[in-house]
Amino acid sequence: VDFLVREGPLPVVACGGVGSVHEVLAFAALGAAAVQVGSALLENANLLQHVQSDLWQVAARYHASSWNQLVEVLCPHSRS
């Protein structure tokens, strides 16, 4: 993700193996324009609500009111 963000002209959407807010934030820290949570929802139908709630808490901690602001804080080299 980091390489694609730095080298490519298009936004990078990260997906695959995402099942927690920690994994979402890891992709954000690499500069992902978006993160997809998919297969993990088959194991836990409420996962998305938990990730969303945790993500709002992290955004509040960093005073970020949008995904782009959060990515900018976590990944200063991204092209937000």
N, C-alpha and C. Protein backbone atom coordinates (compact mmCIF):
# COMPACT_ATOMS: atom_id res chain seq x y z
N VAL A 1 0.84 -1.19 0.00
CA VAL A 1 0.00 0.00 0.00
C VAL A 1 0.87 1.25 0.00
N ASP A 2 1.89 1.26 0.85
CA ASP A 2 2.78 2.41 0.93
C ASP A 2 3.39 2.74 -0.42
N PHE A 3 3.92 1.72 -1.09
CA PHE A 3 4.54 1.92 -2.40
C PHE A 3 3.54 2.48 -3.40
N LEU A 4 2.36 1.88 -3.46
CA LEU A 4 1.34 2.33 -4.41
C LEU A 4 0.90 3.76 -4.14
N VAL A 5 0.77 4.12 -2.87
CA VAL A 5 0.37 5.48 -2.52
C VAL A 5 1.43 6.48 -2.98
N ARG A 6 2.70 6.15 -2.74
CA ARG A 6 3.77 7.08 -3.10
C ARG A 6 4.02 7.14 -4.60
N GLU A 7 3.86 6.02 -5.30
CA GLU A 7 4.25 5.95 -6.70
C GLU A 7 3.11 6.06 -7.70
N GLY A 8 1.91 5.72 -7.29
CA GLY A 8 0.81 5.68 -8.24
C GLY A 8 0.01 6.96 -8.27
N PRO A 9 -0.64 7.23 -9.39
CA PRO A 9 -1.44 8.45 -9.52
C PRO A 9 -2.86 8.31 -8.97
N LEU A 10 -3.27 7.08 -8.64
CA LEU A 10 -4.65 6.85 -8.22
C LEU A 10 -4.75 6.57 -6.73
N PRO A 11 -5.90 6.85 -6.12
CA PRO A 11 -6.10 6.50 -4.71
C PRO A 11 -6.05 4.97 -4.54
N VAL A 12 -5.55 4.53 -3.41
CA VAL A 12 -5.43 3.10 -3.12
C VAL A 12 -6.51 2.70 -2.12
N VAL A 13 -7.28 1.67 -2.47
CA VAL A 13 -8.28 1.11 -1.56
C VAL A 13 -7.70 -0.21 -1.05
N ALA A 14 -7.54 -0.30 0.26
CA ALA A 14 -6.95 -1.49 0.87
C ALA A 14 -8.04 -2.47 1.25
N CYS A 15 -7.81 -3.75 0.98
CA CYS A 15 -8.77 -4.77 1.37
C CYS A 15 -8.04 -6.10 1.49
N GLY A 16 -8.64 -6.98 2.24
CA GLY A 16 -8.05 -8.29 2.43
C GLY A 16 -7.50 -8.46 3.83
N GLY A 17 -8.14 -9.28 4.61
CA GLY A 17 -7.65 -9.56 5.94
C GLY A 17 -7.93 -8.47 6.96
N VAL A 18 -8.86 -7.61 6.68
CA VAL A 18 -9.18 -6.50 7.58
C VAL A 18 -10.31 -6.94 8.51
N GLY A 19 -10.02 -7.00 9.80
CA GLY A 19 -11.03 -7.44 10.74
C GLY A 19 -11.02 -6.71 12.07
N SER A 20 -10.28 -5.59 12.12
CA SER A 20 -10.25 -4.82 13.36
C SER A 20 -9.89 -3.37 13.05
N VAL A 21 -10.14 -2.51 14.02
CA VAL A 21 -9.78 -1.10 13.84
C VAL A 21 -8.27 -0.95 13.74
N HIS A 22 -7.52 -1.84 14.38
CA HIS A 22 -6.05 -1.77 14.29
C HIS A 22 -5.58 -2.00 12.86
N GLU A 23 -6.22 -2.93 12.17
CA GLU A 23 -5.87 -3.19 10.78
C GLU A 23 -6.30 -2.05 9.87
N VAL A 24 -7.46 -1.47 10.15
CA VAL A 24 -7.92 -0.29 9.39
C VAL A 24 -6.91 0.84 9.56
N LEU A 25 -6.49 1.08 10.79
CA LEU A 25 -5.54 2.16 11.06
C LEU A 25 -4.17 1.88 10.46
N ALA A 26 -3.78 0.63 10.41
CA ALA A 26 -2.50 0.29 9.78
C ALA A 26 -2.52 0.67 8.30
N PHE A 27 -3.63 0.37 7.61
CA PHE A 27 -3.74 0.77 6.21
C PHE A 27 -3.83 2.29 6.07
N ALA A 28 -4.51 2.94 7.01
CA ALA A 28 -4.57 4.41 6.99
C ALA A 28 -3.18 4.99 7.15
N ALA A 29 -2.39 4.40 8.04
CA ALA A 29 -1.03 4.88 8.28
C ALA A 29 -0.15 4.72 7.05
N LEU A 30 -0.51 3.79 6.18
CA LEU A 30 0.22 3.61 4.92
C LEU A 30 -0.31 4.51 3.82
N GLY A 31 -1.41 5.24 4.09
CA GLY A 31 -1.93 6.20 3.13
C GLY A 31 -3.11 5.74 2.31
N ALA A 32 -3.76 4.65 2.69
CA ALA A 32 -4.91 4.16 1.93
C ALA A 32 -6.03 5.20 1.89
N ALA A 33 -6.61 5.39 0.74
CA ALA A 33 -7.72 6.33 0.58
C ALA A 33 -9.00 5.77 1.18
N ALA A 34 -9.09 4.44 1.27
CA ALA A 34 -10.24 3.76 1.87
C ALA A 34 -9.80 2.36 2.27
N VAL A 35 -10.55 1.76 3.19
CA VAL A 35 -10.27 0.40 3.64
C VAL A 35 -11.57 -0.38 3.62
N GLN A 36 -11.53 -1.56 3.03
CA GLN A 36 -12.72 -2.41 2.93
C GLN A 36 -12.68 -3.52 3.96
N VAL A 37 -13.75 -3.67 4.72
CA VAL A 37 -13.92 -4.80 5.63
C VAL A 37 -14.94 -5.70 4.97
N GLY A 38 -14.58 -6.96 4.75
CA GLY A 38 -15.49 -7.83 4.03
C GLY A 38 -15.68 -9.18 4.68
N SER A 39 -14.80 -10.12 4.40
CA SER A 39 -14.96 -11.51 4.84
C SER A 39 -15.10 -11.65 6.35
N ALA A 40 -14.46 -10.78 7.11
CA ALA A 40 -14.54 -10.85 8.57
C ALA A 40 -15.98 -10.69 9.05
N LEU A 41 -16.82 -10.06 8.24
CA LEU A 41 -18.23 -9.88 8.61
C LEU A 41 -18.98 -11.21 8.62
N LEU A 42 -18.48 -12.21 7.91
CA LEU A 42 -19.12 -13.53 7.92
C LEU A 42 -18.96 -14.19 9.28
N GLU A 43 -17.87 -13.89 9.97
CA GLU A 43 -17.63 -14.46 11.29
C GLU A 43 -18.31 -13.65 12.39
N ASN A 44 -18.43 -12.34 12.17
CA ASN A 44 -19.01 -11.46 13.20
C ASN A 44 -19.82 -10.38 12.50
N ALA A 45 -21.12 -10.56 12.47
CA ALA A 45 -22.00 -9.62 11.77
C ALA A 45 -22.00 -8.23 12.39
N ASN A 46 -21.59 -8.11 13.64
CA ASN A 46 -21.56 -6.82 14.32
C ASN A 46 -20.20 -6.13 14.23
N LEU A 47 -19.26 -6.75 13.55
CA LEU A 47 -17.90 -6.23 13.49
C LEU A 47 -17.85 -4.80 12.95
N LEU A 48 -18.62 -4.53 11.92
CA LEU A 48 -18.57 -3.20 11.31
C LEU A 48 -18.96 -2.10 12.29
N GLN A 49 -19.96 -2.37 13.12
CA GLN A 49 -20.37 -1.38 14.12
C GLN A 49 -19.25 -1.14 15.13
N HIS A 50 -18.55 -2.22 15.53
CA HIS A 50 -17.45 -2.08 16.48
C HIS A 50 -16.29 -1.30 15.87
N VAL A 51 -15.94 -1.64 14.64
CA VAL A 51 -14.85 -0.93 13.96
C VAL A 51 -15.20 0.54 13.79
N GLN A 52 -16.43 0.81 13.39
CA GLN A 52 -16.86 2.20 13.20
C GLN A 52 -16.78 2.98 14.51
N SER A 53 -17.28 2.39 15.58
CA SER A 53 -17.25 3.05 16.88
C SER A 53 -15.81 3.31 17.33
N ASP A 54 -14.95 2.31 17.19
CA ASP A 54 -13.55 2.47 17.57
C ASP A 54 -12.86 3.52 16.70
N LEU A 55 -13.21 3.54 15.42
CA LEU A 55 -12.61 4.51 14.51
C LEU A 55 -13.00 5.93 14.86
N TRP A 56 -14.26 6.15 15.27
CA TRP A 56 -14.68 7.48 15.71
C TRP A 56 -13.90 7.91 16.95
N GLN A 57 -13.64 6.96 17.86
CA GLN A 57 -12.87 7.28 19.06
C GLN A 57 -11.44 7.69 18.72
N VAL A 58 -10.83 6.98 17.80
CA VAL A 58 -9.47 7.32 17.37
C VAL A 58 -9.47 8.67 16.67
N ALA A 59 -10.44 8.90 15.81
CA ALA A 59 -10.52 10.19 15.10
C ALA A 59 -10.66 11.33 16.11
N ALA A 60 -11.48 11.14 17.13
CA ALA A 60 -11.64 12.18 18.15
C ALA A 60 -10.33 12.42 18.89
N ARG A 61 -9.60 11.37 19.18
CA ARG A 61 -8.32 11.50 19.88
C ARG A 61 -7.34 12.35 19.07
N TYR A 62 -7.38 12.22 17.74
CA TYR A 62 -6.48 12.97 16.86
C TYR A 62 -7.13 14.25 16.33
N HIS A 63 -8.32 14.57 16.80
CA HIS A 63 -9.06 15.76 16.36
C HIS A 63 -9.27 15.76 14.84
N ALA A 64 -9.56 14.59 14.30
CA ALA A 64 -9.82 14.44 12.87
C ALA A 64 -11.32 14.29 12.66
N SER A 65 -11.86 15.08 11.76
CA SER A 65 -13.30 15.00 11.51
C SER A 65 -13.63 14.28 10.21
N SER A 66 -12.62 13.74 9.54
CA SER A 66 -12.85 13.00 8.31
C SER A 66 -11.76 11.95 8.13
N TRP A 67 -12.01 11.00 7.26
CA TRP A 67 -11.02 9.98 6.95
C TRP A 67 -9.75 10.64 6.42
N ASN A 68 -9.88 11.60 5.53
CA ASN A 68 -8.70 12.26 4.96
C ASN A 68 -7.85 12.93 6.03
N GLN A 69 -8.49 13.56 7.00
CA GLN A 69 -7.74 14.19 8.09
C GLN A 69 -7.03 13.13 8.93
N LEU A 70 -7.68 12.02 9.19
CA LEU A 70 -7.06 10.96 9.96
C LEU A 70 -5.86 10.38 9.22
N VAL A 71 -6.01 10.13 7.93
CA VAL A 71 -4.90 9.63 7.13
C VAL A 71 -3.75 10.64 7.13
N GLU A 72 -4.07 11.92 7.04
CA GLU A 72 -3.05 12.96 7.05
C GLU A 72 -2.26 12.94 8.36
N VAL A 73 -2.95 12.74 9.47
CA VAL A 73 -2.29 12.68 10.78
C VAL A 73 -1.43 11.43 10.90
N LEU A 74 -1.97 10.29 10.48
CA LEU A 74 -1.27 9.02 10.64
C LEU A 74 -0.21 8.79 9.57
N CYS A 75 -0.37 9.44 8.44
CA CYS A 75 0.54 9.18 7.30
C CYS A 75 0.86 10.49 6.61
N PRO A 76 1.78 11.28 7.16
CA PRO A 76 2.05 12.60 6.61
C PRO A 76 2.54 12.61 5.16
N HIS A 77 3.09 11.49 4.67
CA HIS A 77 3.57 11.48 3.29
C HIS A 77 2.49 11.19 2.27
N SER A 78 1.26 10.90 2.71
CA SER A 78 0.20 10.59 1.75
C SER A 78 -0.20 11.82 0.96
N ARG A 79 -0.89 11.57 -0.16
CA ARG A 79 -1.31 12.69 -1.01
C ARG A 79 -2.75 13.04 -0.74
N SER A 80 -3.16 13.29 0.47
CA SER A 80 -4.56 13.54 0.78
C SER A 80 -5.08 14.81 0.17
